[in-house]
Amino acid sequence: MAINTEHFKQKLELEKKALEAELVKVGRKNPDNPSDWEAVPSERDVSQADENTVADGITEYEENNAILNTLESRYKDIRSGLDKIAKGVYGTCQVCKKEIEEERLEANPAARTCMEHMN
């Protein structure tokens, strides 16, 4: 059974837009590498700040960095799925080269493997 790539392309595009909206809340595109994201520091003015304000800013930056890493990983998976659609190889397991189950793709349109090779 052929996979409806247009359906999954739409799902991937929607998730990509949602991820981009979340990414800009905690980061920005790296000016030296536009395919990479970097966390943004706090907007607080720490030039005259006490130690607690500086510490809060560092904690916020670290939290943004952790969130950004998770979002960026998913973002790369989504972009990879879209790239596979463009190349005509979407829905093929990277391990066994068999077709990925449609229910798996419904649950995770960026899936790289079939259910047998999930782990």
N, C-alpha and C. Protein backbone atom coordinates (compact mmCIF):
# COMPACT_ATOMS: atom_id res chain seq x y z
N MET A 1 0.84 -1.19 0.00
CA MET A 1 0.00 0.00 0.00
C MET A 1 0.88 1.25 0.00
N ALA A 2 0.64 2.16 -0.90
CA ALA A 2 1.44 3.38 -1.01
C ALA A 2 1.08 4.36 0.11
N ILE A 3 2.09 5.02 0.62
CA ILE A 3 1.89 6.01 1.68
C ILE A 3 1.44 7.33 1.06
N ASN A 4 0.45 7.95 1.67
CA ASN A 4 -0.05 9.24 1.21
C ASN A 4 0.92 10.32 1.69
N THR A 5 1.96 10.57 0.91
CA THR A 5 3.00 11.50 1.35
C THR A 5 2.47 12.93 1.49
N GLU A 6 1.48 13.31 0.72
CA GLU A 6 0.94 14.67 0.84
C GLU A 6 0.32 14.88 2.22
N HIS A 7 -0.37 13.87 2.71
CA HIS A 7 -0.97 13.93 4.06
C HIS A 7 0.12 14.12 5.12
N PHE A 8 1.18 13.33 5.02
CA PHE A 8 2.25 13.42 6.01
C PHE A 8 3.08 14.69 5.84
N LYS A 9 3.20 15.18 4.62
CA LYS A 9 3.90 16.44 4.39
C LYS A 9 3.17 17.57 5.11
N GLN A 10 1.83 17.57 5.03
CA GLN A 10 1.04 18.59 5.72
C GLN A 10 1.24 18.50 7.24
N LYS A 11 1.22 17.27 7.76
CA LYS A 11 1.43 17.08 9.20
C LYS A 11 2.81 17.58 9.62
N LEU A 12 3.83 17.25 8.83
CA LEU A 12 5.19 17.67 9.13
C LEU A 12 5.33 19.19 9.04
N GLU A 13 4.72 19.80 8.04
CA GLU A 13 4.78 21.26 7.88
C GLU A 13 4.12 21.97 9.07
N LEU A 14 2.98 21.45 9.52
CA LEU A 14 2.29 22.05 10.68
C LEU A 14 3.16 21.95 11.93
N GLU A 15 3.76 20.79 12.14
CA GLU A 15 4.61 20.63 13.32
C GLU A 15 5.86 21.50 13.21
N LYS A 16 6.39 21.63 12.02
CA LYS A 16 7.58 22.48 11.80
C LYS A 16 7.27 23.92 12.19
N LYS A 17 6.11 24.43 11.76
CA LYS A 17 5.72 25.81 12.11
C LYS A 17 5.55 25.97 13.61
N ALA A 18 4.93 24.99 14.25
CA ALA A 18 4.74 25.05 15.70
C ALA A 18 6.08 25.03 16.42
N LEU A 19 7.00 24.18 15.96
CA LEU A 19 8.32 24.12 16.57
C LEU A 19 9.10 25.42 16.39
N GLU A 20 9.00 26.01 15.20
CA GLU A 20 9.68 27.29 14.96
C GLU A 20 9.15 28.37 15.90
N ALA A 21 7.84 28.37 16.15
CA ALA A 21 7.25 29.34 17.07
C ALA A 21 7.77 29.13 18.49
N GLU A 22 7.95 27.89 18.89
CA GLU A 22 8.50 27.59 20.22
C GLU A 22 9.99 27.91 20.29
N LEU A 23 10.71 27.59 19.23
CA LEU A 23 12.16 27.85 19.21
C LEU A 23 12.48 29.32 19.39
N VAL A 24 11.73 30.20 18.75
CA VAL A 24 12.03 31.63 18.86
C VAL A 24 11.73 32.18 20.25
N LYS A 25 10.99 31.45 21.06
CA LYS A 25 10.72 31.88 22.43
C LYS A 25 11.93 31.68 23.33
N VAL A 26 12.77 30.69 22.99
CA VAL A 26 13.91 30.37 23.86
C VAL A 26 15.26 30.51 23.16
N GLY A 27 15.23 30.82 21.86
CA GLY A 27 16.49 30.90 21.14
C GLY A 27 16.40 31.75 19.90
N ARG A 28 17.48 31.69 19.14
CA ARG A 28 17.55 32.39 17.86
C ARG A 28 18.41 31.57 16.94
N LYS A 29 18.27 31.81 15.64
CA LYS A 29 19.13 31.11 14.69
C LYS A 29 20.55 31.61 14.86
N ASN A 30 21.47 30.69 14.85
CA ASN A 30 22.88 31.02 14.99
C ASN A 30 23.31 31.81 13.75
N PRO A 31 23.80 33.04 13.91
CA PRO A 31 24.19 33.83 12.74
C PRO A 31 25.33 33.20 11.93
N ASP A 32 26.15 32.39 12.58
CA ASP A 32 27.27 31.73 11.90
C ASP A 32 26.86 30.44 11.21
N ASN A 33 25.70 29.87 11.64
CA ASN A 33 25.22 28.62 11.06
C ASN A 33 23.69 28.65 11.11
N PRO A 34 23.03 29.17 10.06
CA PRO A 34 21.57 29.34 10.09
C PRO A 34 20.76 28.06 10.28
N SER A 35 21.37 26.89 10.12
CA SER A 35 20.61 25.66 10.36
C SER A 35 20.70 25.25 11.83
N ASP A 36 21.40 26.04 12.63
CA ASP A 36 21.57 25.75 14.05
C ASP A 36 20.87 26.83 14.88
N TRP A 37 20.40 26.43 16.05
CA TRP A 37 19.76 27.37 16.97
C TRP A 37 20.62 27.50 18.21
N GLU A 38 20.56 28.65 18.86
CA GLU A 38 21.27 28.84 20.12
C GLU A 38 20.35 29.51 21.12
N ALA A 39 20.53 29.16 22.37
CA ALA A 39 19.69 29.74 23.43
C ALA A 39 20.00 31.22 23.55
N VAL A 40 19.01 31.98 23.97
CA VAL A 40 19.22 33.41 24.18
C VAL A 40 19.31 33.67 25.68
N PRO A 41 20.20 34.58 26.04
CA PRO A 41 20.31 34.93 27.45
C PRO A 41 19.10 35.74 27.90
N SER A 42 18.96 35.88 29.18
CA SER A 42 17.88 36.64 29.76
C SER A 42 17.94 38.08 29.28
N GLU A 43 16.78 38.73 29.23
CA GLU A 43 16.70 40.13 28.81
C GLU A 43 17.01 41.09 29.96
N ARG A 44 17.36 40.56 31.09
CA ARG A 44 17.59 41.41 32.27
C ARG A 44 18.87 42.23 32.13
N ASP A 45 18.84 43.43 32.70
CA ASP A 45 20.04 44.26 32.75
C ASP A 45 20.81 43.84 33.99
N VAL A 46 21.93 43.16 33.79
CA VAL A 46 22.70 42.66 34.93
C VAL A 46 23.93 43.52 35.22
N SER A 47 24.05 44.66 34.55
CA SER A 47 25.22 45.49 34.75
C SER A 47 25.31 46.01 36.18
N GLN A 48 24.17 46.28 36.80
CA GLN A 48 24.14 46.78 38.17
C GLN A 48 23.42 45.80 39.10
N ALA A 49 23.27 44.56 38.66
CA ALA A 49 22.44 43.60 39.37
C ALA A 49 23.17 42.97 40.55
N ASP A 50 22.35 42.53 41.50
CA ASP A 50 22.95 41.79 42.62
C ASP A 50 23.18 40.34 42.21
N GLU A 51 23.81 39.59 43.07
CA GLU A 51 24.17 38.20 42.76
C GLU A 51 22.95 37.34 42.43
N ASN A 52 21.84 37.56 43.14
CA ASN A 52 20.64 36.75 42.90
C ASN A 52 20.06 36.99 41.50
N THR A 53 20.08 38.23 41.04
CA THR A 53 19.57 38.53 39.70
C THR A 53 20.45 37.88 38.64
N VAL A 54 21.76 37.96 38.84
CA VAL A 54 22.69 37.32 37.91
C VAL A 54 22.47 35.81 37.90
N ALA A 55 22.32 35.21 39.08
CA ALA A 55 22.09 33.77 39.18
C ALA A 55 20.78 33.37 38.50
N ASP A 56 19.74 34.18 38.69
CA ASP A 56 18.46 33.91 38.03
C ASP A 56 18.62 33.95 36.52
N GLY A 57 19.39 34.90 36.02
CA GLY A 57 19.63 35.01 34.58
C GLY A 57 20.37 33.79 34.04
N ILE A 58 21.35 33.32 34.79
CA ILE A 58 22.09 32.12 34.37
C ILE A 58 21.19 30.91 34.37
N THR A 59 20.36 30.75 35.40
CA THR A 59 19.43 29.63 35.48
C THR A 59 18.44 29.67 34.32
N GLU A 60 17.93 30.85 34.00
CA GLU A 60 16.97 30.98 32.90
C GLU A 60 17.64 30.61 31.57
N TYR A 61 18.87 31.04 31.39
CA TYR A 61 19.60 30.70 30.16
C TYR A 61 19.80 29.18 30.06
N GLU A 62 20.18 28.55 31.16
CA GLU A 62 20.38 27.09 31.16
C GLU A 62 19.08 26.36 30.86
N GLU A 63 17.97 26.83 31.41
CA GLU A 63 16.67 26.22 31.13
C GLU A 63 16.31 26.40 29.66
N ASN A 64 16.52 27.60 29.12
CA ASN A 64 16.26 27.85 27.71
C ASN A 64 17.11 26.93 26.84
N ASN A 65 18.35 26.73 27.23
CA ASN A 65 19.26 25.87 26.46
C ASN A 65 18.76 24.42 26.45
N ALA A 66 18.30 23.93 27.60
CA ALA A 66 17.79 22.56 27.68
C ALA A 66 16.54 22.40 26.82
N ILE A 67 15.62 23.37 26.91
CA ILE A 67 14.40 23.34 26.11
C ILE A 67 14.75 23.41 24.62
N LEU A 68 15.66 24.31 24.29
CA LEU A 68 16.07 24.49 22.90
C LEU A 68 16.67 23.21 22.33
N ASN A 69 17.48 22.52 23.09
CA ASN A 69 18.10 21.28 22.60
C ASN A 69 17.04 20.23 22.26
N THR A 70 16.02 20.10 23.10
CA THR A 70 14.94 19.16 22.84
C THR A 70 14.15 19.55 21.60
N LEU A 71 13.77 20.84 21.52
CA LEU A 71 13.01 21.32 20.37
C LEU A 71 13.82 21.21 19.08
N GLU A 72 15.10 21.54 19.15
CA GLU A 72 15.94 21.51 17.96
C GLU A 72 16.10 20.09 17.43
N SER A 73 16.21 19.12 18.33
CA SER A 73 16.32 17.73 17.92
C SER A 73 15.07 17.30 17.14
N ARG A 74 13.90 17.65 17.67
CA ARG A 74 12.65 17.32 16.98
C ARG A 74 12.55 18.07 15.66
N TYR A 75 12.96 19.34 15.66
CA TYR A 75 12.94 20.16 14.45
C TYR A 75 13.78 19.53 13.34
N LYS A 76 14.94 19.02 13.69
CA LYS A 76 15.80 18.36 12.71
C LYS A 76 15.14 17.09 12.17
N ASP A 77 14.47 16.34 13.04
CA ASP A 77 13.74 15.14 12.60
C ASP A 77 12.63 15.51 11.61
N ILE A 78 11.92 16.59 11.90
CA ILE A 78 10.83 17.05 11.02
C ILE A 78 11.40 17.46 9.66
N ARG A 79 12.48 18.22 9.68
CA ARG A 79 13.10 18.65 8.43
C ARG A 79 13.62 17.45 7.64
N SER A 80 14.13 16.45 8.33
CA SER A 80 14.60 15.23 7.67
C SER A 80 13.43 14.52 6.99
N GLY A 81 12.29 14.45 7.68
CA GLY A 81 11.10 13.83 7.09
C GLY A 81 10.65 14.55 5.83
N LEU A 82 10.66 15.88 5.88
CA LEU A 82 10.28 16.67 4.71
C LEU A 82 11.28 16.47 3.57
N ASP A 83 12.55 16.36 3.91
CA ASP A 83 13.58 16.13 2.90
C ASP A 83 13.39 14.76 2.25
N LYS A 84 13.01 13.76 3.05
CA LYS A 84 12.76 12.42 2.50
C LYS A 84 11.57 12.42 1.55
N ILE A 85 10.55 13.20 1.88
CA ILE A 85 9.40 13.31 0.98
C ILE A 85 9.87 13.91 -0.35
N ALA A 86 10.67 14.97 -0.26
CA ALA A 86 11.16 15.63 -1.49
C ALA A 86 12.01 14.68 -2.34
N LYS A 87 12.73 13.78 -1.68
CA LYS A 87 13.61 12.85 -2.40
C LYS A 87 12.89 11.56 -2.80
N GLY A 88 11.63 11.40 -2.37
CA GLY A 88 10.87 10.22 -2.73
C GLY A 88 11.20 8.97 -1.93
N VAL A 89 11.80 9.13 -0.75
CA VAL A 89 12.18 7.97 0.06
C VAL A 89 11.48 7.98 1.43
N TYR A 90 10.45 8.81 1.58
CA TYR A 90 9.74 8.91 2.85
C TYR A 90 9.03 7.60 3.18
N GLY A 91 9.05 7.25 4.47
CA GLY A 91 8.32 6.08 4.93
C GLY A 91 9.08 4.78 4.80
N THR A 92 10.39 4.87 4.59
CA THR A 92 11.23 3.68 4.48
C THR A 92 12.09 3.56 5.74
N CYS A 93 12.07 2.39 6.35
CA CYS A 93 12.86 2.14 7.56
C CYS A 93 14.35 2.26 7.24
N GLN A 94 15.06 3.00 8.08
CA GLN A 94 16.50 3.18 7.87
C GLN A 94 17.29 1.90 8.15
N VAL A 95 16.69 0.97 8.89
CA VAL A 95 17.40 -0.25 9.25
C VAL A 95 17.17 -1.35 8.22
N CYS A 96 15.89 -1.70 8.00
CA CYS A 96 15.58 -2.85 7.14
C CYS A 96 15.12 -2.47 5.74
N LYS A 97 14.93 -1.17 5.51
CA LYS A 97 14.50 -0.64 4.20
C LYS A 97 13.07 -1.03 3.81
N LYS A 98 12.31 -1.60 4.76
CA LYS A 98 10.90 -1.92 4.50
C LYS A 98 10.06 -0.67 4.77
N GLU A 99 8.82 -0.68 4.30
CA GLU A 99 7.92 0.44 4.50
C GLU A 99 7.55 0.57 5.98
N ILE A 100 7.60 1.78 6.49
CA ILE A 100 7.19 2.04 7.88
C ILE A 100 5.66 1.98 7.94
N GLU A 101 5.14 1.35 8.98
CA GLU A 101 3.71 1.18 9.16
C GLU A 101 3.02 2.54 9.20
N GLU A 102 1.87 2.64 8.54
CA GLU A 102 1.15 3.91 8.47
C GLU A 102 0.72 4.40 9.85
N GLU A 103 0.31 3.47 10.74
CA GLU A 103 -0.09 3.89 12.09
C GLU A 103 1.10 4.48 12.86
N ARG A 104 2.29 4.00 12.58
CA ARG A 104 3.50 4.57 13.21
C ARG A 104 3.74 5.98 12.68
N LEU A 105 3.57 6.16 11.38
CA LEU A 105 3.75 7.49 10.80
C LEU A 105 2.67 8.46 11.26
N GLU A 106 1.46 7.96 11.49
CA GLU A 106 0.40 8.83 12.03
C GLU A 106 0.78 9.33 13.42
N ALA A 107 1.34 8.43 14.23
CA ALA A 107 1.75 8.80 15.58
C ALA A 107 2.99 9.68 15.57
N ASN A 108 3.89 9.42 14.64
CA ASN A 108 5.14 10.18 14.54
C ASN A 108 5.53 10.30 13.07
N PRO A 109 5.07 11.36 12.41
CA PRO A 109 5.35 11.51 10.98
C PRO A 109 6.85 11.59 10.65
N ALA A 110 7.68 11.87 11.64
CA ALA A 110 9.13 11.96 11.41
C ALA A 110 9.84 10.66 11.74
N ALA A 111 9.07 9.58 11.94
CA ALA A 111 9.68 8.28 12.29
C ALA A 111 10.71 7.87 11.24
N ARG A 112 11.83 7.35 11.73
CA ARG A 112 12.92 6.92 10.84
C ARG A 112 12.94 5.41 10.64
N THR A 113 12.23 4.70 11.53
CA THR A 113 12.27 3.24 11.49
C THR A 113 10.87 2.66 11.63
N CYS A 114 10.74 1.41 11.23
CA CYS A 114 9.49 0.68 11.43
C CYS A 114 9.36 0.31 12.90
N MET A 115 8.21 -0.25 13.28
CA MET A 115 7.98 -0.60 14.68
C MET A 115 8.99 -1.63 15.19
N GLU A 116 9.37 -2.55 14.33
CA GLU A 116 10.32 -3.57 14.74
C GLU A 116 11.67 -2.99 15.14
N HIS A 117 12.06 -1.88 14.53
CA HIS A 117 13.38 -1.29 14.78
C HIS A 117 13.31 0.03 15.55
N MET A 118 12.21 0.25 16.25
CA MET A 118 12.03 1.51 17.00
C MET A 118 13.14 1.77 18.00
N ASN A 119 13.57 0.75 18.67
CA ASN A 119 14.58 0.93 19.72
C ASN A 119 15.92 0.61 19.17
